[in-house]
N, C-alpha and C. Protein backbone atom coordinates (compact mmCIF):
# COMPACT_ATOMS: atom_id res chain seq x y z
N MET A 1 8.07 -40.22 12.00
CA MET A 1 6.92 -41.05 11.71
C MET A 1 7.29 -42.01 10.58
N ASN A 2 6.76 -43.20 10.66
CA ASN A 2 7.02 -44.22 9.65
C ASN A 2 6.41 -43.83 8.31
N THR A 3 6.86 -44.49 7.25
CA THR A 3 6.29 -44.28 5.94
C THR A 3 4.88 -44.86 5.91
N PRO A 4 3.88 -44.09 5.49
CA PRO A 4 2.51 -44.60 5.45
C PRO A 4 2.35 -45.73 4.44
N LEU A 5 1.45 -46.64 4.74
CA LEU A 5 1.18 -47.77 3.85
C LEU A 5 0.63 -47.28 2.51
N THR A 6 -0.36 -46.42 2.55
CA THR A 6 -0.99 -45.93 1.33
C THR A 6 -0.42 -44.56 0.97
N CYS A 7 -0.61 -44.16 -0.27
CA CYS A 7 -0.06 -42.88 -0.74
C CYS A 7 -0.71 -41.69 -0.04
N LYS A 8 -2.00 -41.80 0.26
CA LYS A 8 -2.71 -40.69 0.90
C LYS A 8 -3.17 -41.12 2.29
N THR A 9 -2.90 -40.27 3.27
CA THR A 9 -3.35 -40.50 4.64
C THR A 9 -3.86 -39.18 5.21
N ALA A 10 -4.57 -39.28 6.31
CA ALA A 10 -5.02 -38.09 7.03
C ALA A 10 -4.86 -38.35 8.53
N ASP A 11 -4.50 -37.32 9.25
CA ASP A 11 -4.30 -37.40 10.69
C ASP A 11 -5.45 -36.69 11.38
N HIS A 12 -6.20 -37.42 12.20
CA HIS A 12 -7.35 -36.85 12.92
C HIS A 12 -7.05 -36.70 14.41
N SER A 13 -5.80 -36.75 14.78
CA SER A 13 -5.39 -36.72 16.18
C SER A 13 -5.64 -35.36 16.82
N ASP A 14 -5.88 -35.39 18.11
CA ASP A 14 -5.99 -34.17 18.90
C ASP A 14 -5.30 -34.42 20.25
N LEU A 15 -5.54 -33.57 21.22
CA LEU A 15 -4.86 -33.72 22.51
C LEU A 15 -5.42 -34.84 23.37
N ARG A 16 -6.53 -35.46 22.97
CA ARG A 16 -7.12 -36.54 23.75
C ARG A 16 -6.95 -37.92 23.12
N GLN A 17 -6.87 -37.97 21.79
CA GLN A 17 -6.79 -39.27 21.13
C GLN A 17 -6.10 -39.15 19.78
N PHE A 18 -5.72 -40.32 19.27
CA PHE A 18 -5.03 -40.41 17.98
C PHE A 18 -5.87 -41.27 17.04
N SER A 19 -6.01 -40.83 15.80
CA SER A 19 -6.71 -41.60 14.78
C SER A 19 -6.21 -41.15 13.41
N PHE A 20 -6.19 -42.08 12.48
CA PHE A 20 -5.64 -41.81 11.16
C PHE A 20 -6.52 -42.46 10.09
N SER A 21 -6.58 -41.86 8.92
CA SER A 21 -7.26 -42.46 7.78
C SER A 21 -6.22 -42.83 6.73
N PHE A 22 -6.44 -43.97 6.10
CA PHE A 22 -5.62 -44.44 5.00
C PHE A 22 -6.57 -44.60 3.82
N PHE A 23 -6.15 -44.17 2.64
CA PHE A 23 -7.02 -44.16 1.47
C PHE A 23 -6.52 -45.13 0.41
N CYS A 24 -7.46 -45.86 -0.20
CA CYS A 24 -7.15 -46.79 -1.28
C CYS A 24 -6.34 -46.06 -2.35
N ASP A 25 -5.24 -46.66 -2.79
CA ASP A 25 -4.39 -46.05 -3.81
C ASP A 25 -5.05 -46.05 -5.19
N SER A 26 -6.18 -46.73 -5.34
CA SER A 26 -6.87 -46.76 -6.62
C SER A 26 -8.10 -45.84 -6.62
N CYS A 27 -9.06 -46.11 -5.75
CA CYS A 27 -10.32 -45.34 -5.78
C CYS A 27 -10.41 -44.26 -4.71
N GLY A 28 -9.52 -44.30 -3.73
CA GLY A 28 -9.53 -43.29 -2.69
C GLY A 28 -10.45 -43.57 -1.52
N SER A 29 -11.08 -44.74 -1.48
CA SER A 29 -11.96 -45.07 -0.35
C SER A 29 -11.14 -45.08 0.94
N PRO A 30 -11.68 -44.46 2.00
CA PRO A 30 -10.92 -44.38 3.24
C PRO A 30 -11.18 -45.54 4.19
N TRP A 31 -10.19 -45.84 4.99
CA TRP A 31 -10.34 -46.68 6.18
C TRP A 31 -9.78 -45.85 7.33
N ARG A 32 -10.59 -45.67 8.37
CA ARG A 32 -10.15 -44.88 9.52
C ARG A 32 -9.83 -45.80 10.68
N SER A 33 -8.67 -45.61 11.24
CA SER A 33 -8.25 -46.44 12.37
C SER A 33 -9.09 -46.12 13.60
N PRO A 34 -9.27 -47.11 14.47
CA PRO A 34 -9.96 -46.83 15.73
C PRO A 34 -9.17 -45.79 16.54
N ALA A 35 -9.88 -44.99 17.29
CA ALA A 35 -9.24 -43.96 18.11
C ALA A 35 -8.45 -44.63 19.24
N ILE A 36 -7.27 -44.09 19.50
CA ILE A 36 -6.41 -44.55 20.58
C ILE A 36 -6.27 -43.39 21.56
N SER A 37 -6.63 -43.62 22.80
CA SER A 37 -6.58 -42.56 23.80
C SER A 37 -5.15 -42.14 24.09
N PHE A 38 -4.98 -40.85 24.31
CA PHE A 38 -3.68 -40.31 24.71
C PHE A 38 -3.52 -40.61 26.19
N LYS A 39 -2.62 -41.54 26.50
CA LYS A 39 -2.46 -42.02 27.88
C LYS A 39 -2.01 -40.92 28.84
N SER A 40 -1.23 -39.98 28.36
CA SER A 40 -0.77 -38.89 29.22
C SER A 40 -1.59 -37.63 28.98
N GLY A 41 -2.77 -37.81 28.41
CA GLY A 41 -3.62 -36.67 28.04
C GLY A 41 -4.04 -35.82 29.21
N GLY A 42 -4.46 -34.63 28.89
CA GLY A 42 -4.90 -33.71 29.91
C GLY A 42 -3.83 -32.72 30.29
N PHE A 43 -2.63 -33.18 30.46
CA PHE A 43 -1.48 -32.34 30.79
C PHE A 43 -1.66 -31.54 32.07
N ALA A 44 -2.63 -31.86 32.89
CA ALA A 44 -2.90 -31.05 34.08
C ALA A 44 -1.68 -30.97 35.00
N GLU A 45 -0.99 -32.08 35.15
CA GLU A 45 0.13 -32.08 36.08
C GLU A 45 1.47 -31.71 35.44
N ILE A 46 1.51 -31.56 34.12
CA ILE A 46 2.75 -31.22 33.43
C ILE A 46 2.69 -29.74 33.03
N GLU A 47 3.61 -28.96 33.52
CA GLU A 47 3.59 -27.53 33.26
C GLU A 47 4.57 -27.10 32.16
N HIS A 48 5.57 -27.88 31.91
CA HIS A 48 6.61 -27.52 30.94
C HIS A 48 6.12 -27.85 29.53
N GLU A 49 5.97 -26.84 28.67
CA GLU A 49 5.41 -27.02 27.33
C GLU A 49 6.23 -27.97 26.45
N VAL A 50 7.54 -27.90 26.54
CA VAL A 50 8.40 -28.76 25.73
C VAL A 50 8.19 -30.22 26.13
N THR A 51 8.06 -30.47 27.42
CA THR A 51 7.82 -31.84 27.92
C THR A 51 6.48 -32.35 27.41
N LYS A 52 5.45 -31.52 27.47
CA LYS A 52 4.13 -31.91 26.97
C LYS A 52 4.21 -32.31 25.50
N LYS A 53 4.90 -31.49 24.72
CA LYS A 53 5.01 -31.75 23.29
C LYS A 53 5.75 -33.05 23.01
N LEU A 54 6.83 -33.29 23.73
CA LEU A 54 7.61 -34.52 23.53
C LEU A 54 6.81 -35.77 23.87
N ILE A 55 6.05 -35.72 24.96
CA ILE A 55 5.22 -36.87 25.35
C ILE A 55 4.16 -37.12 24.29
N TRP A 56 3.50 -36.07 23.84
CA TRP A 56 2.45 -36.21 22.83
C TRP A 56 3.03 -36.78 21.54
N GLU A 57 4.17 -36.24 21.10
CA GLU A 57 4.79 -36.71 19.86
C GLU A 57 5.19 -38.18 19.93
N LYS A 58 5.69 -38.62 21.08
CA LYS A 58 6.08 -40.02 21.25
C LYS A 58 4.86 -40.93 21.14
N GLU A 59 3.79 -40.58 21.82
CA GLU A 59 2.57 -41.40 21.76
C GLU A 59 1.92 -41.32 20.38
N HIS A 60 1.98 -40.16 19.74
CA HIS A 60 1.42 -39.99 18.39
C HIS A 60 2.15 -40.90 17.41
N SER A 61 3.47 -40.93 17.50
CA SER A 61 4.27 -41.78 16.62
C SER A 61 3.95 -43.26 16.83
N ALA A 62 3.82 -43.67 18.08
CA ALA A 62 3.48 -45.06 18.38
C ALA A 62 2.08 -45.41 17.87
N ALA A 63 1.14 -44.49 18.03
CA ALA A 63 -0.22 -44.72 17.55
C ALA A 63 -0.25 -44.83 16.03
N PHE A 64 0.52 -43.99 15.34
CA PHE A 64 0.58 -44.06 13.89
C PHE A 64 1.18 -45.39 13.44
N THR A 65 2.24 -45.81 14.09
CA THR A 65 2.88 -47.07 13.73
C THR A 65 1.90 -48.23 13.86
N GLY A 66 1.16 -48.27 14.96
CA GLY A 66 0.18 -49.33 15.16
C GLY A 66 -0.94 -49.27 14.13
N SER A 67 -1.44 -48.09 13.84
CA SER A 67 -2.51 -47.93 12.85
C SER A 67 -2.02 -48.29 11.45
N ASN A 68 -0.79 -47.91 11.15
CA ASN A 68 -0.20 -48.23 9.85
C ASN A 68 -0.07 -49.74 9.67
N LEU A 69 0.32 -50.44 10.73
CA LEU A 69 0.40 -51.90 10.66
C LEU A 69 -0.99 -52.52 10.49
N GLU A 70 -1.96 -51.99 11.22
CA GLU A 70 -3.33 -52.50 11.11
C GLU A 70 -3.89 -52.28 9.70
N ALA A 71 -3.48 -51.22 9.04
CA ALA A 71 -3.95 -50.92 7.67
C ALA A 71 -3.56 -52.03 6.69
N HIS A 72 -2.50 -52.78 7.01
CA HIS A 72 -2.11 -53.91 6.14
C HIS A 72 -3.24 -54.94 6.02
N PHE A 73 -4.10 -55.02 7.02
CA PHE A 73 -5.20 -55.98 6.99
C PHE A 73 -6.43 -55.42 6.30
N MET A 74 -6.43 -54.13 6.01
CA MET A 74 -7.58 -53.47 5.40
C MET A 74 -7.41 -53.26 3.90
N PHE A 75 -6.18 -53.39 3.42
CA PHE A 75 -5.88 -53.17 2.00
C PHE A 75 -5.14 -54.37 1.44
N ASN A 76 -5.14 -54.47 0.14
CA ASN A 76 -4.49 -55.57 -0.58
C ASN A 76 -3.33 -55.01 -1.40
N TYR A 77 -2.25 -55.75 -1.45
CA TYR A 77 -1.07 -55.33 -2.19
C TYR A 77 -1.12 -55.88 -3.61
N CYS A 78 -1.01 -55.00 -4.59
CA CYS A 78 -0.97 -55.43 -5.99
C CYS A 78 0.45 -55.84 -6.34
N LYS A 79 0.61 -57.09 -6.74
CA LYS A 79 1.93 -57.62 -7.08
C LYS A 79 2.51 -56.98 -8.34
N LYS A 80 1.65 -56.40 -9.16
CA LYS A 80 2.12 -55.84 -10.42
C LYS A 80 2.54 -54.37 -10.30
N CYS A 81 1.69 -53.52 -9.72
CA CYS A 81 2.01 -52.09 -9.66
C CYS A 81 2.50 -51.62 -8.29
N GLY A 82 2.33 -52.46 -7.26
CA GLY A 82 2.82 -52.12 -5.92
C GLY A 82 1.92 -51.21 -5.11
N ARG A 83 0.70 -50.96 -5.59
CA ARG A 83 -0.22 -50.10 -4.84
C ARG A 83 -0.98 -50.93 -3.81
N TRP A 84 -1.48 -50.24 -2.77
CA TRP A 84 -2.33 -50.84 -1.75
C TRP A 84 -3.76 -50.41 -2.04
N VAL A 85 -4.63 -51.39 -2.31
CA VAL A 85 -6.00 -51.09 -2.73
C VAL A 85 -7.04 -51.80 -1.86
N CYS A 86 -8.24 -51.23 -1.83
CA CYS A 86 -9.34 -51.82 -1.07
C CYS A 86 -9.84 -53.10 -1.76
N ASP A 87 -10.71 -53.83 -1.09
CA ASP A 87 -11.23 -55.09 -1.63
C ASP A 87 -11.94 -54.92 -2.97
N LYS A 88 -12.70 -53.81 -3.13
CA LYS A 88 -13.45 -53.64 -4.38
C LYS A 88 -12.54 -53.32 -5.57
N CYS A 89 -11.32 -52.86 -5.31
CA CYS A 89 -10.37 -52.55 -6.38
C CYS A 89 -9.34 -53.65 -6.60
N PHE A 90 -9.53 -54.78 -5.92
CA PHE A 90 -8.58 -55.88 -5.99
C PHE A 90 -9.20 -57.07 -6.68
N ASP A 91 -8.46 -57.69 -7.58
CA ASP A 91 -8.93 -58.88 -8.28
C ASP A 91 -8.50 -60.11 -7.49
N SER A 92 -9.40 -60.59 -6.65
CA SER A 92 -9.05 -61.74 -5.81
C SER A 92 -9.51 -63.06 -6.42
N GLU A 93 -10.11 -62.98 -7.59
CA GLU A 93 -10.58 -64.19 -8.29
C GLU A 93 -10.19 -64.10 -9.76
N GLY A 94 -10.35 -65.18 -10.46
CA GLY A 94 -10.11 -65.17 -11.90
C GLY A 94 -8.66 -65.34 -12.26
N GLN A 95 -8.37 -65.11 -13.54
CA GLN A 95 -7.03 -65.36 -14.06
C GLN A 95 -5.99 -64.35 -13.60
N HIS A 96 -6.42 -63.18 -13.14
CA HIS A 96 -5.48 -62.16 -12.68
C HIS A 96 -5.47 -62.05 -11.16
N GLU A 97 -5.72 -63.13 -10.50
CA GLU A 97 -5.76 -63.14 -9.04
C GLU A 97 -4.48 -62.58 -8.44
N GLY A 98 -4.66 -61.68 -7.46
CA GLY A 98 -3.51 -61.13 -6.74
C GLY A 98 -3.02 -59.79 -7.25
N ILE A 99 -3.76 -59.19 -8.20
CA ILE A 99 -3.39 -57.85 -8.66
C ILE A 99 -4.63 -56.96 -8.64
N CYS A 100 -4.40 -55.66 -8.69
CA CYS A 100 -5.54 -54.73 -8.67
C CYS A 100 -6.29 -54.79 -9.99
N LYS A 101 -7.51 -54.30 -9.96
CA LYS A 101 -8.35 -54.35 -11.17
C LYS A 101 -7.82 -53.45 -12.28
N LYS A 102 -7.10 -52.39 -11.94
CA LYS A 102 -6.51 -51.53 -12.99
C LYS A 102 -5.42 -52.27 -13.74
N CYS A 103 -4.74 -53.18 -13.08
CA CYS A 103 -3.66 -53.94 -13.73
C CYS A 103 -4.18 -55.20 -14.42
N SER A 104 -5.38 -55.66 -14.04
CA SER A 104 -5.88 -56.92 -14.64
C SER A 104 -6.61 -56.71 -15.95
């Protein structure tokens, strides 16, 4: 699995769908990715347990990668400390534009 965008994440995936939460590195506010259906879900026609696990892991990894990329649009990067923060923790105006409020 790729390195998560934010320091704290949560995995809400199950055998039917994949979803992840990413938390603001400053205040901890969550953003939850939209659920992505498991395309090979159900496993009715697959009897081999190892095969089922490999298919699920491959789709889980792809879903995480997509959600992790989407999280870039939900958080702001602080040029000073390198944390990813939500809009309310980001100074997008004023003399410290482009850094988080903890750094400004």
